[in-house]
Amino acid sequence: MHRKTFELKSTAGLRNWAFASLIFASTLLNGCEQAGKQVNYSIFAFGTLIDITLYDVDKTQAETAFEQLQKDFDFYQQHWSPWTDGDLARLNSQLEKTSDNPGNNASLSLPDHLLPLIKRSIELSEQSEHFYNPTIGKLINLWQFHKYQDKNIQPPADDQIQRLMKLKPQMSDLSLDSQNRLININPAVSLNFGAFAKGYAIELEMKILQKLNIQNAVINAGGDLSVIGRHGDRQWNIGIRHPREDSILASIEVKHNESIFTSGDYERFYFYQGRRFHHILDPKTGYPTADAQSVTVLHQDAGRADAAATAIAVAGSKNWQRIAKNMGISHVLLVDAKGNVQLTPAMKKRLKFLNKSPGSHIIVSKEL
């Protein structure tokens, strides 16, 4: 499911390319009448449409870039997803087998491409006090949010959840030996990098574009994106979705080598017996979070921004400032359960609010 064609055209006739299904408004919020060429290409990966926009490039550059990015994202989709027959799924199967017998700490060889995901996730999980926790793959599978559009989907039984919660899987259950072989001490560990892999993949592909001498680009994966360079004579202007309305809450100019990621409870959810269940799970309770509608993070490291958006959303309105500080994140916008907007002073300076719900408040935190 990907589009193999691309368009080369002047920017005069462009529309807001990334406000797909009103999830996210992208670079052209104010329209544009600029010289130069813009090229667009789309790939389906990580369960979303990834829109790639290159500015001020020729056709040969664009074709080379899109061919490489298509190949890479196809690889990530196959081998970083726990639901394919790729390398991560095979690793999870090995983790299950090696932890069947208590005290069996056999080490597992890792494909080179998985090693950075695990190393960085160990660090990010510790910094986030395990609010970012990619070891809860079994819990995610129980909730079936990857099948959220199925008609007969329903939440798991509480006893199933509690069995996993008693085992408390977390990244500290994993370690690497001197040969970078993986050791697991917890049978409940099953890896799902859904809160990090997309950001890390975008981070890698931005480096590919720069190696190809492309200076101005956006990679937008369903509203989570990174930019390099500029859009002609101005910055890339991005819209942040209102979590409860089909509209833009605020806009922000994203600068060279910056990334913006959002974790929202509106992305994947289903209703059962009149209750709404969304996909952001609290690894400490086993249930969907209830304290934040969405969190948007701005940072230069796309992988860190991706993981932090999820960790801060799980931490919620009472703990988010501590977790953001621990993770080195200074630009945060959190819409809490009441619809109030909580944000850091650094983020407030960058935002232009376009649509705030009546009765909601803007609450600025202390500097982190």
Protein backbone atom coordinates (compact mmCIF):
# COMPACT_ATOMS: atom_id res chain seq x y z
CA MET A 1 0.00 0.00 0.00
CA HIS A 2 2.16 2.79 -1.24
CA ARG A 3 2.11 5.25 -4.08
CA LYS A 4 4.95 4.78 -6.55
CA THR A 5 4.47 8.05 -8.43
CA PHE A 6 5.47 11.60 -7.59
CA GLU A 7 4.55 15.06 -8.71
CA LEU A 8 6.91 17.85 -9.77
CA LYS A 9 5.25 21.23 -9.82
CA SER A 10 5.63 24.84 -8.81
CA THR A 11 4.48 25.77 -5.33
CA ALA A 12 1.88 28.22 -6.66
CA GLY A 13 -0.82 25.57 -6.91
CA LEU A 14 -0.12 23.61 -3.73
CA ARG A 15 -2.66 22.81 -1.04
CA ASN A 16 -2.10 21.91 2.58
CA TRP A 17 -0.64 18.49 1.87
CA ALA A 18 -0.51 16.96 5.33
CA PHE A 19 -3.86 17.78 6.85
CA ALA A 20 -4.93 14.28 5.79
CA SER A 21 -8.32 13.44 7.32
CA LEU A 22 -7.93 16.65 9.33
CA ILE A 23 -5.30 14.96 11.48
CA PHE A 24 -2.60 17.55 10.91
CA ALA A 25 -2.18 20.73 8.91
CA SER A 26 1.16 21.10 7.26
CA THR A 27 3.50 23.55 5.76
CA LEU A 28 1.25 25.70 3.64
CA LEU A 29 -1.13 27.13 6.24
CA ASN A 30 -0.82 30.60 4.77
CA GLY A 31 -0.58 29.57 1.11
CA CYS A 32 2.45 30.27 -1.02
CA GLU A 33 3.45 32.05 -4.19
CA GLN A 34 7.17 31.36 -4.37
CA ALA A 35 9.71 30.46 -6.96
CA GLY A 36 11.17 26.98 -6.89
CA LYS A 37 10.06 23.39 -7.30
CA GLN A 38 8.36 21.18 -4.77
CA VAL A 39 8.15 17.42 -5.14
CA ASN A 40 5.76 15.18 -3.20
CA TYR A 41 5.81 11.42 -2.65
CA SER A 42 3.87 9.11 -0.32
CA ILE A 43 4.70 5.77 1.26
CA PHE A 44 2.51 3.63 3.52
CA ALA A 45 4.42 2.42 6.60
CA PHE A 46 3.97 2.26 10.39
CA GLY A 47 0.21 2.13 9.84
CA THR A 48 0.07 5.61 8.32
CA LEU A 49 0.74 7.53 5.12
CA ILE A 50 4.21 9.05 5.12
CA ASP A 51 4.32 12.21 3.00
CA ILE A 52 7.74 13.33 1.80
CA THR A 53 8.13 16.85 0.45
CA LEU A 54 11.34 18.06 -1.16
CA TYR A 55 11.80 21.71 -2.04
CA ASP A 56 14.12 23.19 -4.67
CA VAL A 57 15.27 19.88 -6.17
CA ASP A 58 15.49 18.53 -9.71
CA LYS A 59 13.76 15.43 -11.03
CA THR A 60 16.86 13.21 -10.85
CA GLN A 61 17.51 14.12 -7.23
CA ALA A 62 13.90 13.43 -6.36
CA GLU A 63 13.78 10.07 -8.10
CA THR A 64 16.97 8.90 -6.39
CA ALA A 65 15.73 10.04 -2.98
CA PHE A 66 12.28 8.51 -3.29
CA GLU A 67 13.63 5.18 -4.52
CA GLN A 68 15.94 4.97 -1.49
CA LEU A 69 13.30 6.08 1.03
CA GLN A 70 10.76 3.64 -0.40
CA LYS A 71 13.24 0.79 0.01
CA ASP A 72 14.15 1.85 3.55
CA PHE A 73 10.60 2.36 4.83
CA ASP A 74 9.56 -0.99 3.34
CA PHE A 75 12.41 -2.55 5.33
CA TYR A 76 11.41 -0.80 8.55
CA GLN A 77 7.79 -1.83 8.07
CA GLN A 78 8.80 -5.47 7.64
CA HIS A 79 11.46 -5.79 10.32
CA TRP A 80 10.47 -3.30 13.04
CA SER A 81 6.84 -4.36 13.30
CA PRO A 82 5.87 -7.00 15.89
CA TRP A 83 3.00 -8.14 13.64
CA THR A 84 4.94 -9.27 10.55
CA ASP A 85 7.28 -12.22 10.06
CA GLY A 86 10.28 -9.87 10.26
CA ASP A 87 13.24 -9.59 12.62
CA LEU A 88 11.43 -7.99 15.58
CA ALA A 89 8.69 -10.61 15.51
CA ARG A 90 11.35 -13.35 15.43
CA LEU A 91 13.19 -11.71 18.34
CA ASN A 92 9.97 -11.64 20.38
CA SER A 93 9.48 -15.32 19.64
CA GLN A 94 13.03 -16.02 20.86
CA LEU A 95 12.45 -13.94 24.00
CA GLU A 96 9.38 -16.04 24.74
CA LYS A 97 11.30 -19.29 24.35
CA THR A 98 14.37 -18.28 26.35
CA SER A 99 12.24 -17.07 29.26
CA ASP A 100 10.01 -20.15 29.42
CA ASN A 101 12.30 -21.71 32.04
CA PRO A 102 12.89 -19.69 35.23
CA GLY A 103 16.53 -18.64 35.57
CA ASN A 104 17.26 -19.20 31.88
CA ASN A 105 19.11 -16.03 30.87
CA ALA A 106 20.38 -17.22 27.51
CA SER A 107 21.70 -14.39 25.38
CA LEU A 108 20.31 -13.69 21.92
CA SER A 109 22.09 -12.39 18.86
CA LEU A 110 20.58 -9.22 17.42
CA PRO A 111 20.40 -7.97 13.85
CA ASP A 112 22.47 -4.80 13.56
CA HIS A 113 19.45 -2.65 12.72
CA LEU A 114 17.62 -3.58 15.95
CA LEU A 115 20.53 -2.81 18.24
CA PRO A 116 20.12 1.01 18.18
CA LEU A 117 16.38 0.70 18.89
CA ILE A 118 17.09 -1.37 21.98
CA LYS A 119 20.05 0.68 23.22
CA ARG A 120 18.25 3.99 22.85
CA SER A 121 15.04 2.60 24.30
CA ILE A 122 16.86 1.42 27.42
CA GLU A 123 18.13 4.98 27.92
CA LEU A 124 14.83 6.72 27.09
CA SER A 125 12.81 4.36 29.24
CA GLU A 126 15.02 5.00 32.25
CA GLN A 127 14.88 8.78 31.74
CA SER A 128 11.09 8.66 31.47
CA GLU A 129 10.69 6.59 34.66
CA HIS A 130 9.39 3.82 32.38
CA PHE A 131 6.41 5.82 31.15
CA TYR A 132 7.95 5.06 27.77
CA ASN A 133 7.97 1.27 27.93
CA PRO A 134 8.37 -0.75 24.71
CA THR A 135 8.37 -4.07 26.58
CA ILE A 136 4.57 -4.12 26.95
CA GLY A 137 3.97 -5.77 23.57
CA LYS A 138 1.84 -8.51 25.15
CA LEU A 139 -0.37 -5.89 26.80
CA ILE A 140 -0.74 -4.03 23.49
CA ASN A 141 -1.69 -7.28 21.79
CA LEU A 142 -4.34 -7.91 24.45
CA TRP A 143 -5.99 -4.56 23.72
CA GLN A 144 -5.87 -5.14 19.92
CA PHE A 145 -5.66 -1.48 18.95
CA HIS A 146 -3.97 -2.53 15.70
CA LYS A 147 -7.46 -3.90 14.88
CA TYR A 148 -9.36 -0.91 16.23
CA GLN A 149 -11.60 -0.71 13.14
CA ASP A 150 -12.91 -4.28 13.53
CA LYS A 151 -16.61 -4.42 14.40
CA ASN A 152 -16.40 -7.01 17.18
CA ILE A 153 -13.37 -5.67 19.03
CA GLN A 154 -13.60 -5.46 22.82
CA PRO A 155 -11.25 -4.78 25.73
CA PRO A 156 -9.47 -7.69 27.43
CA ALA A 157 -10.66 -9.17 30.71
CA ASP A 158 -9.20 -7.57 33.81
CA ASP A 159 -7.63 -10.83 35.00
CA GLN A 160 -5.65 -11.05 31.75
CA ILE A 161 -4.35 -7.53 32.31
CA GLN A 162 -3.48 -8.16 35.94
CA ARG A 163 -1.48 -11.29 35.12
CA LEU A 164 0.81 -9.18 32.96
CA MET A 165 0.90 -6.28 35.41
CA LYS A 166 2.18 -8.55 38.20
CA LEU A 167 5.23 -9.36 36.07
CA LYS A 168 5.95 -5.63 35.48
CA PRO A 169 7.89 -5.86 32.20
CA GLN A 170 10.23 -2.95 31.53
CA MET A 171 13.41 -2.18 29.63
CA SER A 172 15.55 -2.70 32.73
CA ASP A 173 14.71 -6.42 32.38
CA LEU A 174 16.90 -6.39 29.27
CA SER A 175 20.65 -5.99 29.10
CA LEU A 176 23.40 -6.34 26.53
CA ASP A 177 26.54 -8.35 27.10
CA SER A 178 30.03 -7.43 25.85
CA GLN A 179 29.15 -8.82 22.41
CA ASN A 180 25.88 -6.88 22.21
CA ARG A 181 23.85 -10.02 22.72
CA LEU A 182 20.50 -9.51 24.42
CA ILE A 183 19.69 -10.98 27.83
CA ASN A 184 16.11 -11.04 29.17
CA ILE A 185 15.11 -11.91 32.74
CA ASN A 186 11.33 -11.39 32.48
CA PRO A 187 8.98 -13.76 30.62
CA ALA A 188 6.44 -10.95 30.14
CA VAL A 189 8.78 -8.92 27.91
CA SER A 190 7.64 -8.54 24.32
CA LEU A 191 8.99 -5.61 22.32
CA ASN A 192 6.82 -3.10 20.50
CA PHE A 193 8.62 0.08 19.38
CA GLY A 194 5.47 1.84 18.21
CA ALA A 195 6.31 4.92 20.30
CA PHE A 196 9.86 5.26 18.95
CA ALA A 197 10.44 3.44 15.65
CA LYS A 198 8.63 5.97 13.48
CA GLY A 199 10.63 8.87 14.87
CA TYR A 200 13.90 6.98 14.62
CA ALA A 201 13.13 5.96 11.02
CA ILE A 202 12.42 9.57 10.06
CA GLU A 203 15.65 10.60 11.77
CA LEU A 204 17.62 8.08 9.67
CA GLU A 205 15.93 9.08 6.42
CA MET A 206 16.54 12.78 6.97
CA LYS A 207 20.26 11.93 7.12
CA ILE A 208 19.88 10.04 3.83
CA LEU A 209 18.34 13.10 2.18
CA GLN A 210 21.18 15.30 3.39
CA LYS A 211 23.75 12.83 2.05
CA LEU A 212 22.00 13.16 -1.32
CA ASN A 213 22.60 16.93 -1.10
CA ILE A 214 18.92 17.71 -0.53
CA GLN A 215 18.81 20.78 1.68
CA ASN A 216 15.09 21.50 2.13
CA ALA A 217 12.59 18.76 3.00
CA VAL A 218 9.81 17.50 5.26
CA ILE A 219 9.06 13.90 6.15
CA ASN A 220 5.56 13.76 7.66
CA ALA A 221 4.23 10.49 9.07
CA GLY A 222 0.59 11.14 9.86
CA GLY A 223 1.38 14.50 11.44
CA ASP A 224 4.64 13.52 13.16
CA LEU A 225 7.44 15.12 11.20
CA SER A 226 10.97 16.40 10.79
CA VAL A 227 12.22 19.21 8.61
CA ILE A 228 15.49 20.37 7.14
CA GLY A 229 16.16 23.73 5.56
CA ARG A 230 13.40 26.12 4.64
CA HIS A 231 10.36 26.38 2.41
CA GLY A 232 11.72 28.96 0.03
CA ASP A 233 12.22 32.23 1.88
CA ARG A 234 10.38 31.16 5.04
CA GLN A 235 10.33 28.44 7.68
CA TRP A 236 8.10 25.37 7.41
CA ASN A 237 4.79 26.36 9.03
CA ILE A 238 3.04 23.46 10.78
CA GLY A 239 -0.43 23.12 12.29
CA ILE A 240 -1.16 21.17 15.49
CA ARG A 241 -4.51 19.42 15.56
CA HIS A 242 -7.15 20.20 18.16
CA PRO A 243 -7.66 16.85 19.95
CA ARG A 244 -11.45 17.17 20.14
CA GLU A 245 -12.28 19.09 16.97
CA ASP A 246 -11.51 18.75 13.26
CA SER A 247 -9.51 21.94 13.31
CA ILE A 248 -6.09 23.35 14.06
CA LEU A 249 -5.36 24.29 17.66
CA ALA A 250 -2.15 26.21 16.97
CA SER A 251 0.54 26.74 14.36
CA ILE A 252 4.29 26.72 14.76
CA GLU A 253 7.25 27.49 12.53
CA VAL A 254 9.57 24.49 12.57
CA LYS A 255 13.21 25.29 11.94
CA HIS A 256 16.08 23.42 10.33
CA ASN A 257 16.73 20.00 11.93
CA GLU A 258 13.70 20.21 14.22
CA SER A 259 11.04 17.57 14.72
CA ILE A 260 7.51 17.81 16.08
CA PHE A 261 5.63 14.77 17.37
CA THR A 262 2.17 14.40 18.88
CA SER A 263 0.66 11.59 20.93
CA GLY A 264 -3.13 11.87 21.05
CA ASP A 265 -5.96 9.74 22.40
CA TYR A 266 -7.89 10.36 19.16
CA GLU A 267 -5.48 8.42 16.92
CA ARG A 268 -6.77 4.86 17.49
CA PHE A 269 -9.74 4.04 19.67
CA TYR A 270 -12.91 1.99 19.83
CA PHE A 271 -16.18 1.94 21.76
CA TYR A 272 -17.44 -1.00 23.79
CA GLN A 273 -20.65 -0.96 25.81
CA GLY A 274 -20.76 2.82 25.60
CA ARG A 275 -17.19 3.36 26.81
CA ARG A 276 -14.36 4.75 24.72
CA PHE A 277 -10.99 2.96 24.84
CA HIS A 278 -7.93 4.57 23.22
CA HIS A 279 -4.51 3.17 22.38
CA ILE A 280 -2.23 5.07 24.80
CA LEU A 281 -1.69 2.54 27.58
CA ASP A 282 -0.29 3.23 31.01
CA PRO A 283 2.31 0.49 31.62
CA LYS A 284 1.81 0.91 35.36
CA THR A 285 -1.93 0.11 35.30
CA GLY A 286 -2.42 -1.81 32.05
CA TYR A 287 -5.30 0.46 31.03
CA PRO A 288 -5.64 3.44 28.68
CA THR A 289 -4.59 6.74 30.19
CA ALA A 290 -7.21 9.25 31.30
CA ASP A 291 -5.27 12.42 32.11
CA ALA A 292 -4.26 13.93 28.76
CA GLN A 293 -5.99 14.30 25.42
CA SER A 294 -2.81 15.02 23.50
CA VAL A 295 0.84 15.96 23.91
CA THR A 296 2.99 17.72 21.32
CA VAL A 297 6.77 17.84 21.63
CA LEU A 298 9.33 19.84 19.66
CA HIS A 299 12.96 18.66 19.66
CA GLN A 300 15.94 18.25 17.33
CA ASP A 301 16.07 14.46 17.87
CA ALA A 302 13.09 12.85 16.12
CA GLY A 303 13.35 9.53 17.96
CA ARG A 304 13.53 11.26 21.33
CA ALA A 305 10.59 13.52 20.41
CA ASP A 306 8.52 10.47 19.44
CA ALA A 307 9.22 8.59 22.68
CA ALA A 308 8.83 11.73 24.81
CA ALA A 309 5.41 12.59 23.35
CA THR A 310 4.13 9.19 24.48
CA ALA A 311 5.91 9.22 27.84
CA ILE A 312 4.62 12.69 28.71
CA ALA A 313 1.09 11.76 27.63
CA VAL A 314 1.19 8.72 29.94
CA ALA A 315 2.71 10.76 32.79
CA GLY A 316 -0.28 13.11 32.49
CA SER A 317 -1.00 16.59 33.80
CA LYS A 318 0.51 16.03 37.26
CA ASN A 319 3.83 14.47 36.28
CA TRP A 320 4.57 15.72 32.78
CA GLN A 321 6.96 18.51 33.76
CA ARG A 322 9.27 16.16 35.67
CA ILE A 323 9.34 13.62 32.85
CA ALA A 324 9.93 16.28 30.19
CA LYS A 325 12.85 17.67 32.18
CA ASN A 326 14.32 14.21 32.73
CA MET A 327 14.17 13.55 28.99
CA GLY A 328 15.71 16.88 28.04
CA ILE A 329 12.54 18.26 26.45
CA SER A 330 11.94 22.00 26.79
CA HIS A 331 9.13 22.48 24.23
CA VAL A 332 5.89 20.75 25.31
CA LEU A 333 2.19 21.37 24.76
CA LEU A 334 -0.24 19.18 26.73
CA VAL A 335 -4.02 19.32 26.41
CA ASP A 336 -5.33 17.84 29.66
CA ALA A 337 -8.51 15.85 30.27
CA LYS A 338 -10.52 19.05 30.87
CA GLY A 339 -9.31 20.62 27.63
CA ASN A 340 -6.95 23.06 29.30
CA VAL A 341 -3.68 23.74 27.49
CA GLN A 342 -0.57 23.27 29.62
CA LEU A 343 2.74 24.22 28.03
CA THR A 344 6.29 25.28 28.70
CA PRO A 345 7.41 28.91 28.31
CA ALA A 346 9.71 27.86 25.45
CA MET A 347 6.79 26.29 23.57
CA LYS A 348 4.50 29.26 24.23
CA LYS A 349 7.00 31.57 22.54
CA ARG A 350 6.88 29.45 19.37
CA LEU A 351 3.11 28.94 19.07
CA LYS A 352 0.32 30.91 17.48
CA PHE A 353 -3.06 29.75 18.83
CA LEU A 354 -5.79 29.51 16.21
CA ASN A 355 -8.64 27.67 17.93
CA LYS A 356 -8.93 27.18 21.69
CA SER A 357 -12.10 25.62 23.12
CA PRO A 358 -14.41 27.98 25.02
CA GLY A 359 -13.90 27.64 28.76
CA SER A 360 -10.43 26.13 28.49
CA HIS A 361 -7.38 27.82 29.96
CA ILE A 362 -3.76 28.23 28.95
CA ILE A 363 -1.43 27.27 31.81
CA VAL A 364 2.26 28.06 31.41
CA SER A 365 4.68 25.98 33.48
CA LYS A 366 7.98 27.04 34.98
CA GLU A 367 11.08 26.80 32.82
CA LEU A 368 12.21 23.19 32.70
